[in-house]
Each structure stands twice: as structure tokens, then as C-alpha cells.
N, C-alpha and C. Protein backbone atom coordinates (compact mmCIF):
# COMPACT_ATOMS: atom_id res chain seq x y z
N UNK A 1 11.25 16.24 2.08
CA UNK A 1 11.12 15.13 1.77
C UNK A 1 9.40 14.61 2.26
N UNK A 2 8.70 14.13 1.24
CA UNK A 2 7.49 13.67 2.09
C UNK A 2 8.09 12.72 3.07
N UNK A 3 6.87 12.44 3.96
CA UNK A 3 6.80 11.42 4.84
C UNK A 3 6.08 10.09 4.25
N UNK A 4 6.13 9.14 4.67
CA UNK A 4 5.68 7.66 4.44
C UNK A 4 4.87 7.46 5.23
N UNK A 5 3.56 7.07 4.90
CA UNK A 5 2.20 6.78 5.68
C UNK A 5 2.47 5.32 6.01
N UNK A 6 3.25 4.86 7.07
CA UNK A 6 3.72 3.43 7.38
C UNK A 6 2.45 2.41 7.50
N UNK A 7 1.36 3.09 7.95
CA UNK A 7 0.10 2.02 8.02
C UNK A 7 -0.65 1.63 6.92
N UNK A 8 -0.74 2.89 5.63
CA UNK A 8 -1.24 2.39 4.51
C UNK A 8 -0.24 1.64 3.57
N UNK A 9 1.17 2.02 3.75
CA UNK A 9 1.97 1.41 2.91
C UNK A 9 2.31 -0.21 3.34
N UNK A 10 2.07 -0.30 4.25
CA UNK A 10 1.95 -1.83 4.90
C UNK A 10 0.89 -2.38 4.48
N UNK A 11 0.01 -1.80 4.35
CA UNK A 11 -1.19 -2.51 4.17
C UNK A 11 -1.37 -3.10 2.66
N UNK A 12 -0.72 -1.94 1.81
CA UNK A 12 -0.78 -2.29 0.23
C UNK A 12 0.25 -3.49 -0.03
N UNK A 13 1.42 -3.30 0.71
CA UNK A 13 2.26 -4.38 0.58
C UNK A 13 1.89 -5.83 1.06
N UNK A 14 1.12 -5.94 1.84
CA UNK A 14 0.45 -7.19 2.45
C UNK A 14 -0.38 -7.41 1.50
N UNK A 15 -1.32 -6.56 1.24
CA UNK A 15 -2.31 -6.95 0.12
C UNK A 15 -1.39 -7.50 -1.55
N UNK A 16 -0.47 -6.95 -1.98
CA UNK A 16 0.48 -7.42 -3.05
C UNK A 16 0.56 -8.83 -2.85
N UNK A 17 1.22 -8.96 -1.73
CA UNK A 17 1.79 -10.41 -1.23
C UNK A 17 0.97 -11.34 -0.97
N UNK A 18 -0.23 -11.10 -0.75
CA UNK A 18 -1.65 -11.95 -0.22
C UNK A 18 -2.01 -12.38 -1.53
N UNK A 19 -1.93 -11.35 -2.52
CA UNK A 19 -2.48 -11.32 -3.95
C UNK A 19 -1.48 -12.45 -4.87
N UNK A 20 -0.15 -12.16 -4.53
CA UNK A 20 0.88 -13.10 -5.35
C UNK A 20 0.98 -14.47 -4.85
N UNK A 21 0.53 -14.58 -3.41
CA UNK A 21 0.32 -16.05 -3.07
C UNK A 21 -0.84 -16.93 -3.46
N UNK A 22 -2.24 -15.86 -3.83
CA UNK A 22 -3.35 -16.51 -3.92
C UNK A 22 -3.05 -16.77 -5.31
N UNK A 23 -2.48 -15.88 -6.21
CA UNK A 23 -2.18 -16.72 -7.61
C UNK A 23 -1.47 -17.83 -7.74
N UNK A 24 -0.33 -18.09 -6.91
CA UNK A 24 0.24 -19.15 -7.05
C UNK A 24 -0.53 -20.12 -6.48
N UNK A 25 -1.18 -19.98 -5.80
CA UNK A 25 -2.09 -21.35 -5.40
C UNK A 25 -3.42 -21.63 -5.86
N UNK A 26 -3.80 -20.73 -6.73
CA UNK A 26 -4.73 -20.85 -7.61
C UNK A 26 -4.53 -21.50 -8.85
N UNK A 27 -5.31 -22.46 -9.26
CA UNK A 27 -5.29 -23.41 -10.71
C UNK A 27 -6.26 -23.26 -11.48
N UNK A 28 -7.34 -22.48 -11.56
CA UNK A 28 -8.48 -22.14 -12.23
C UNK A 28 -8.71 -20.44 -12.23
N UNK A 29 -9.84 -20.24 -13.33
CA UNK A 29 -10.32 -18.93 -13.37
C UNK A 29 -12.04 -18.88 -12.94
N UNK A 30 -11.85 -18.49 -11.69
CA UNK A 30 -13.10 -18.19 -11.41
C UNK A 30 -14.19 -17.49 -12.01
N UNK A 31 -15.50 -17.56 -12.30
CA UNK A 31 -16.44 -16.92 -13.25
C UNK A 31 -16.22 -16.99 -14.50
N UNK A 32 -15.13 -17.40 -15.39
CA UNK A 32 -14.80 -17.59 -16.58
C UNK A 32 -14.46 -18.94 -16.97
N UNK A 33 -15.67 -19.52 -17.48
CA UNK A 33 -15.65 -20.88 -17.88
C UNK A 33 -16.13 -21.00 -19.28
N UNK A 34 -15.72 -21.73 -20.12
CA UNK A 34 -16.15 -22.27 -21.37
C UNK A 34 -17.54 -22.94 -21.22
N UNK A 35 -18.33 -22.59 -22.02
CA UNK A 35 -19.76 -23.31 -21.93
C UNK A 35 -19.43 -24.45 -23.12
N UNK A 36 -19.52 -25.68 -22.57
CA UNK A 36 -19.24 -26.81 -23.64
C UNK A 36 -20.76 -27.42 -24.09
N UNK A 37 -21.65 -27.00 -23.67
CA UNK A 37 -22.99 -27.46 -23.92
C UNK A 37 -23.43 -26.70 -25.01
N UNK A 38 -24.09 -27.25 -26.21
CA UNK A 38 -24.42 -26.56 -27.41
C UNK A 38 -25.68 -25.77 -27.01
N UNK A 39 -25.37 -24.56 -27.62
CA UNK A 39 -26.99 -23.68 -27.60
C UNK A 39 -27.00 -22.97 -28.72
N UNK A 40 -28.25 -23.63 -29.14
CA UNK A 40 -28.46 -23.14 -30.47
C UNK A 40 -29.43 -21.74 -30.29
N UNK A 41 -29.00 -20.73 -31.26
CA UNK A 41 -29.99 -19.65 -31.52
C UNK A 41 -29.67 -19.23 -33.05
N UNK A 42 -30.66 -18.18 -33.33
CA UNK A 42 -30.35 -17.93 -34.90
C UNK A 42 -29.47 -16.66 -34.78
N UNK A 43 -28.38 -16.72 -35.68
CA UNK A 43 -27.36 -15.53 -35.69
C UNK A 43 -27.60 -14.99 -37.38
N UNK A 44 -27.80 -13.65 -37.04
CA UNK A 44 -28.20 -12.85 -38.44
C UNK A 44 -26.93 -12.86 -39.08
N UNK A 45 -26.99 -13.01 -40.45
CA UNK A 45 -25.81 -12.81 -41.59
C UNK A 45 -25.03 -11.47 -41.20
N UNK A 46 -23.73 -11.69 -40.92
CA UNK A 46 -23.06 -10.62 -40.63
C UNK A 46 -22.49 -10.00 -41.93
N UNK A 47 -22.25 -8.81 -42.54
CA UNK A 47 -22.01 -8.19 -43.47
C UNK A 47 -20.33 -8.42 -43.20
N UNK A 48 -19.57 -8.08 -42.38
CA UNK A 48 -18.33 -8.35 -42.19
C UNK A 48 -17.30 -9.65 -42.35
N UNK A 49 -18.06 -10.50 -42.54
CA UNK A 49 -17.66 -11.86 -42.49
C UNK A 49 -16.97 -12.04 -41.25
N UNK A 50 -17.57 -11.83 -40.18
CA UNK A 50 -16.77 -11.82 -38.99
C UNK A 50 -17.28 -12.72 -37.99
N UNK A 51 -16.91 -13.97 -37.30
CA UNK A 51 -17.69 -14.75 -36.40
C UNK A 51 -17.02 -14.46 -35.30
N UNK A 52 -18.07 -14.39 -34.39
CA UNK A 52 -17.45 -14.25 -33.00
C UNK A 52 -18.25 -15.43 -32.12
N UNK A 53 -17.23 -16.13 -31.73
CA UNK A 53 -17.07 -17.36 -30.77
C UNK A 53 -17.38 -16.90 -29.24
N UNK A 54 -18.18 -16.98 -28.41
CA UNK A 54 -18.06 -16.95 -27.19
C UNK A 54 -16.85 -17.90 -26.22
N UNK A 55 -16.70 -19.35 -27.02
CA UNK A 55 -15.47 -19.92 -26.61
C UNK A 55 -14.13 -19.43 -26.69
N UNK A 56 -14.19 -18.75 -28.13
CA UNK A 56 -13.07 -17.92 -28.10
C UNK A 56 -12.41 -16.84 -27.39
N UNK A 57 -13.81 -16.03 -27.24
CA UNK A 57 -13.75 -15.04 -26.19
C UNK A 57 -13.14 -15.28 -24.67
N UNK A 58 -13.72 -16.22 -24.47
CA UNK A 58 -13.28 -16.93 -23.25
C UNK A 58 -11.89 -17.42 -22.94
N UNK A 59 -11.46 -17.93 -24.09
CA UNK A 59 -10.06 -18.31 -24.14
C UNK A 59 -9.65 -16.93 -24.07
N UNK A 60 -9.39 -16.20 -24.93
CA UNK A 60 -8.54 -15.00 -25.03
C UNK A 60 -8.70 -14.56 -23.69
N UNK A 61 -9.58 -14.29 -22.93
CA UNK A 61 -9.82 -13.52 -21.59
C UNK A 61 -8.96 -14.48 -20.49
N UNK A 62 -9.00 -15.90 -20.81
CA UNK A 62 -8.48 -16.57 -19.64
C UNK A 62 -6.45 -16.62 -19.99
N UNK A 63 -6.20 -16.43 -21.26
CA UNK A 63 -5.00 -16.38 -21.64
C UNK A 63 -4.77 -14.74 -21.27
N UNK A 64 -5.24 -13.94 -21.29
CA UNK A 64 -4.82 -12.46 -20.70
C UNK A 64 -5.07 -12.48 -19.06
N UNK A 65 -5.73 -13.08 -18.45
CA UNK A 65 -5.76 -13.04 -17.07
C UNK A 65 -4.59 -14.10 -16.55
N UNK A 66 -4.37 -15.00 -17.20
CA UNK A 66 -3.23 -15.67 -16.68
C UNK A 66 -1.92 -15.09 -16.94
N UNK A 67 -1.65 -14.28 -17.75
CA UNK A 67 -0.38 -13.48 -18.21
C UNK A 67 -0.36 -12.47 -17.45
N UNK A 68 -1.60 -11.89 -17.08
CA UNK A 68 -1.35 -10.78 -15.99
C UNK A 68 -1.25 -11.44 -14.46
N UNK A 69 -1.45 -12.31 -14.27
CA UNK A 69 -1.56 -13.07 -12.67
C UNK A 69 0.10 -13.68 -12.99
N UNK A 70 0.70 -14.13 -14.25
CA UNK A 70 2.02 -14.59 -13.92
C UNK A 70 3.06 -13.35 -13.77
N UNK A 71 2.61 -12.40 -14.75
CA UNK A 71 3.39 -11.11 -14.40
C UNK A 71 3.59 -10.28 -13.05
N UNK A 72 2.26 -10.50 -12.51
CA UNK A 72 2.27 -9.84 -10.90
C UNK A 72 3.09 -11.07 -10.09
N UNK A 73 3.23 -12.22 -10.27
CA UNK A 73 3.74 -12.90 -9.39
C UNK A 73 5.43 -12.83 -9.62
N UNK A 74 5.62 -12.68 -10.81
CA UNK A 74 7.32 -12.65 -11.37
C UNK A 74 7.57 -11.09 -10.98
N UNK A 75 6.85 -10.26 -10.66
CA UNK A 75 7.58 -8.79 -10.20
C UNK A 75 7.70 -8.86 -8.88
N UNK A 76 6.32 -9.56 -8.22
CA UNK A 76 6.90 -9.35 -6.57
C UNK A 76 7.77 -10.65 -6.36
N UNK A 77 8.21 -11.73 -6.93
CA UNK A 77 9.25 -12.59 -6.60
C UNK A 77 10.69 -12.01 -6.99
N UNK A 78 10.67 -11.05 -7.90
CA UNK A 78 11.75 -10.30 -8.01
C UNK A 78 12.21 -9.30 -7.12
N UNK A 79 10.99 -8.72 -6.61
CA UNK A 79 11.30 -7.63 -5.63
C UNK A 79 11.69 -8.38 -3.83
N UNK A 80 11.28 -9.72 -3.99
CA UNK A 80 11.60 -10.46 -2.79
C UNK A 80 12.80 -10.76 -2.77
N UNK A 81 13.34 -11.32 -3.83
CA UNK A 81 14.77 -12.06 -4.19
C UNK A 81 15.61 -10.72 -4.27
N UNK A 82 15.42 -9.48 -4.17
CA UNK A 82 16.33 -8.23 -3.95
C UNK A 82 16.51 -8.02 -2.54
N UNK A 83 15.68 -8.60 -1.67
CA UNK A 83 16.21 -8.35 -0.32
C UNK A 83 17.07 -9.34 0.33
N UNK A 84 17.66 -8.66 1.65
CA UNK A 84 18.52 -8.95 2.36
C UNK A 84 17.96 -10.61 2.54
N UNK A 85 18.97 -11.32 3.32
CA UNK A 85 18.74 -12.63 3.62
C UNK A 85 17.62 -13.30 4.63
N UNK A 86 17.66 -12.38 5.50
CA UNK A 86 16.94 -12.45 6.60
C UNK A 86 15.33 -11.99 6.36
N UNK A 87 15.10 -10.99 5.39
CA UNK A 87 14.22 -10.35 4.98
C UNK A 87 13.51 -11.33 3.98
N UNK A 88 14.28 -11.63 3.33
CA UNK A 88 13.62 -12.75 1.69
C UNK A 88 13.13 -14.20 2.53
N UNK A 89 13.72 -14.44 3.60
CA UNK A 89 13.48 -15.58 4.16
C UNK A 89 12.04 -15.67 5.03
N UNK A 90 11.77 -14.40 5.52
CA UNK A 90 10.71 -14.01 6.52
C UNK A 90 9.39 -13.81 5.52
N UNK A 91 9.82 -13.41 4.59
CA UNK A 91 8.58 -12.89 3.37
C UNK A 91 8.36 -14.50 2.92
N UNK A 92 9.38 -15.20 2.61
CA UNK A 92 9.29 -16.39 1.88
C UNK A 92 8.52 -17.49 2.64
N UNK A 93 8.81 -17.42 3.83
CA UNK A 93 8.17 -18.25 4.89
C UNK A 93 6.56 -17.83 4.93
N UNK A 94 6.60 -16.90 5.58
CA UNK A 94 4.96 -16.42 5.90
C UNK A 94 4.34 -16.13 4.72
N UNK A 95 4.74 -15.80 3.56
CA UNK A 95 3.77 -15.69 2.60
C UNK A 95 3.64 -16.61 1.49
N UNK A 96 5.03 -17.24 1.31
CA UNK A 96 5.21 -18.15 -0.20
C UNK A 96 5.54 -19.69 0.44
N UNK A 97 5.15 -19.93 1.66
CA UNK A 97 5.78 -21.24 2.04
C UNK A 97 4.60 -22.22 1.62
N UNK A 98 4.94 -23.75 2.11
CA UNK A 98 4.01 -24.53 1.84
C UNK A 98 2.66 -24.48 2.80
N UNK A 99 2.38 -23.86 4.09
CA UNK A 99 1.61 -23.81 4.94
C UNK A 99 1.12 -22.43 4.86
N UNK A 100 -0.08 -22.34 5.24
CA UNK A 100 -0.59 -20.62 5.43
C UNK A 100 -0.25 -20.33 6.72
N UNK A 101 0.99 -19.46 7.18
CA UNK A 101 1.64 -19.43 8.52
C UNK A 101 0.98 -18.31 9.07
N UNK A 102 0.59 -17.90 10.38
CA UNK A 102 0.21 -16.34 10.89
C UNK A 102 1.89 -15.72 11.19
N UNK A 103 1.57 -14.59 11.82
CA UNK A 103 2.93 -14.02 11.88
C UNK A 103 3.48 -14.35 12.98
N UNK A 104 2.54 -15.18 14.05
CA UNK A 104 3.40 -15.87 15.58
C UNK A 104 4.17 -16.89 14.96
N UNK A 105 3.19 -18.07 14.02
CA UNK A 105 3.89 -19.13 13.58
C UNK A 105 5.19 -19.02 12.94
N UNK A 106 5.23 -17.80 11.96
CA UNK A 106 6.35 -17.72 11.18
C UNK A 106 7.55 -17.05 11.98
N UNK A 107 7.27 -16.26 13.07
CA UNK A 107 8.41 -15.88 13.99
C UNK A 107 8.94 -17.12 14.92
N UNK A 108 8.10 -18.07 15.28
CA UNK A 108 8.60 -19.19 16.03
C UNK A 108 9.32 -20.24 14.98
N UNK A 109 9.11 -20.53 13.80
CA UNK A 109 9.45 -21.19 12.75
C UNK A 109 10.78 -20.45 12.49
N UNK A 110 11.02 -19.07 12.50
CA UNK A 110 12.25 -18.48 12.17
C UNK A 110 13.21 -18.45 13.44
N UNK A 111 12.73 -19.04 14.39
CA UNK A 111 13.53 -18.59 15.85
C UNK A 111 13.65 -17.39 16.06
N UNK A 112 12.95 -16.20 15.91
CA UNK A 112 13.36 -14.86 16.13
C UNK A 112 12.31 -14.50 17.28
N UNK A 113 12.76 -13.61 18.01
CA UNK A 113 11.60 -12.81 19.07
C UNK A 113 10.73 -11.97 18.41
N UNK A 114 9.54 -11.77 19.11
CA UNK A 114 8.52 -10.58 18.55
C UNK A 114 9.24 -9.60 17.90
N UNK A 115 9.72 -9.08 18.85
CA UNK A 115 10.42 -7.46 18.31
C UNK A 115 11.05 -7.82 16.86
N UNK A 116 12.13 -8.73 16.85
CA UNK A 116 13.00 -8.66 16.06
C UNK A 116 12.30 -9.28 14.60
N UNK A 117 11.31 -10.24 14.69
CA UNK A 117 10.47 -10.28 13.73
C UNK A 117 9.50 -9.04 12.84
N UNK A 118 9.06 -8.43 13.98
CA UNK A 118 8.39 -7.28 13.38
C UNK A 118 9.35 -6.02 12.88
N UNK A 119 10.44 -6.03 13.23
CA UNK A 119 11.54 -5.07 12.74
C UNK A 119 11.70 -5.49 11.64
N UNK A 120 12.50 -6.63 11.31
CA UNK A 120 12.71 -7.40 10.14
C UNK A 120 11.40 -7.20 9.07
N UNK A 121 10.59 -7.25 9.51
CA UNK A 121 9.36 -7.33 8.44
C UNK A 121 9.17 -5.91 8.17
N UNK A 122 8.96 -4.96 8.85
CA UNK A 122 9.11 -3.34 8.80
C UNK A 122 10.02 -3.25 7.66
N UNK A 123 11.22 -3.63 7.92
CA UNK A 123 12.31 -3.06 7.05
C UNK A 123 11.99 -4.08 5.72
N UNK A 124 11.65 -4.90 5.58
CA UNK A 124 11.40 -5.80 4.17
C UNK A 124 10.02 -5.09 3.72
N UNK A 125 9.06 -4.78 4.47
CA UNK A 125 8.12 -3.81 3.57
C UNK A 125 8.28 -2.44 3.05
N UNK A 126 9.42 -1.96 3.79
CA UNK A 126 9.97 -0.54 3.39
C UNK A 126 10.75 -0.71 2.10
N UNK A 127 11.16 -1.92 2.14
CA UNK A 127 12.16 -2.09 0.59
C UNK A 127 11.12 -2.36 -0.33
N UNK A 128 10.22 -3.44 0.03
CA UNK A 128 9.47 -3.90 -1.05
C UNK A 128 8.44 -2.85 -1.47
N UNK A 129 7.84 -1.87 -0.49
CA UNK A 129 7.06 -0.88 -1.12
C UNK A 129 7.77 0.14 -2.27
N UNK A 130 9.16 0.35 -1.92
CA UNK A 130 9.77 1.23 -2.97
C UNK A 130 10.06 0.36 -4.15
N UNK A 131 10.23 -1.13 -4.25
CA UNK A 131 10.93 -1.93 -5.21
C UNK A 131 9.54 -1.91 -6.08
N UNK A 132 8.31 -2.09 -5.25
CA UNK A 132 7.18 -2.23 -6.38
C UNK A 132 5.93 -0.49 -6.73
N UNK A 133 6.61 0.08 -6.30
CA UNK A 133 6.47 1.39 -6.45
C UNK A 133 4.80 1.65 -5.51
N UNK A 134 4.62 1.33 -4.29
CA UNK A 134 3.37 1.11 -3.57
C UNK A 134 3.73 2.45 -2.18
N UNK A 135 4.66 2.83 -1.98
CA UNK A 135 5.00 3.72 -0.98
C UNK A 135 3.86 4.88 -0.76
N UNK A 136 3.09 5.02 0.09
CA UNK A 136 2.01 5.95 0.42
C UNK A 136 2.78 7.18 1.23
N UNK A 137 2.37 8.06 0.69
CA UNK A 137 3.22 9.48 1.46
C UNK A 137 2.20 10.39 2.02
N UNK A 138 2.26 10.88 3.06
CA UNK A 138 1.39 11.85 3.87
C UNK A 138 1.26 12.82 3.32
């Protein structure tokens, strides 16, 4: 059976959790905005009678991005909800709480020792890596 590279796997799980947190907090789409100022240009007649609007293209792109973000958050939250109570609580407070907490602040808030916090977090990361298919093997 192949061995899991714990460092790389942990890094991937952190990235996925950070991305999900960012998507939850984000309310706009950077660099993809609709231009509302009129821009006049000569448009050659089309043989296909197809009209391509930049506003429609951006709207479609925004909907696709929003769907992708929503799906990512849904999958991550389902995986987190499948964890044991302590693991779920740790991940929820550290990554999905109202405040952006560091690991130290999280284990103080959870009233855990340093060693217990990292043992529970490691177990949660291992389970999340398998649930989200993020495990990196040596």
C-alpha cells in the first residue's frame, strides 16, 4: 500500500479550506465586470445573424464562476460535516468562523492543548484528504 506524503497532503487540504473560506467571504468577481459605458464601433454584418454581446458574455462567465464556487463550497462543507464532532468543530472555528483565527487562537478558543489540537487537526486533514480525493502519495 502506498505511503501518504503528509506534508503535501496537509498543504493541499489547507489550500482547499482557504479557498472555500475565501469563496464564502467573497461577494464579487474580480476582473470580470460588465462595462456599462456605451462604446461605439463599426460592426460588420454577420452572415450567421448571430449577435455577440460583451455584456452577455460577462454575465454567462459570472454565472459559471458562481456555480463553480458554490459547488466547491458545497463539496468542502459536506466533507467537513462528515467529520467527528471535535474535528468538525476545529475545522469550523479555524476556517469557517466569523473571525480569521490563527491555529494558536483556535486551540485557545477550543480549550485544547497544543498537542491535542494538532493531533485532532491532523486526523481531520487525513479524513478530508480522502473525502476530497486530495491525498498525495509518495
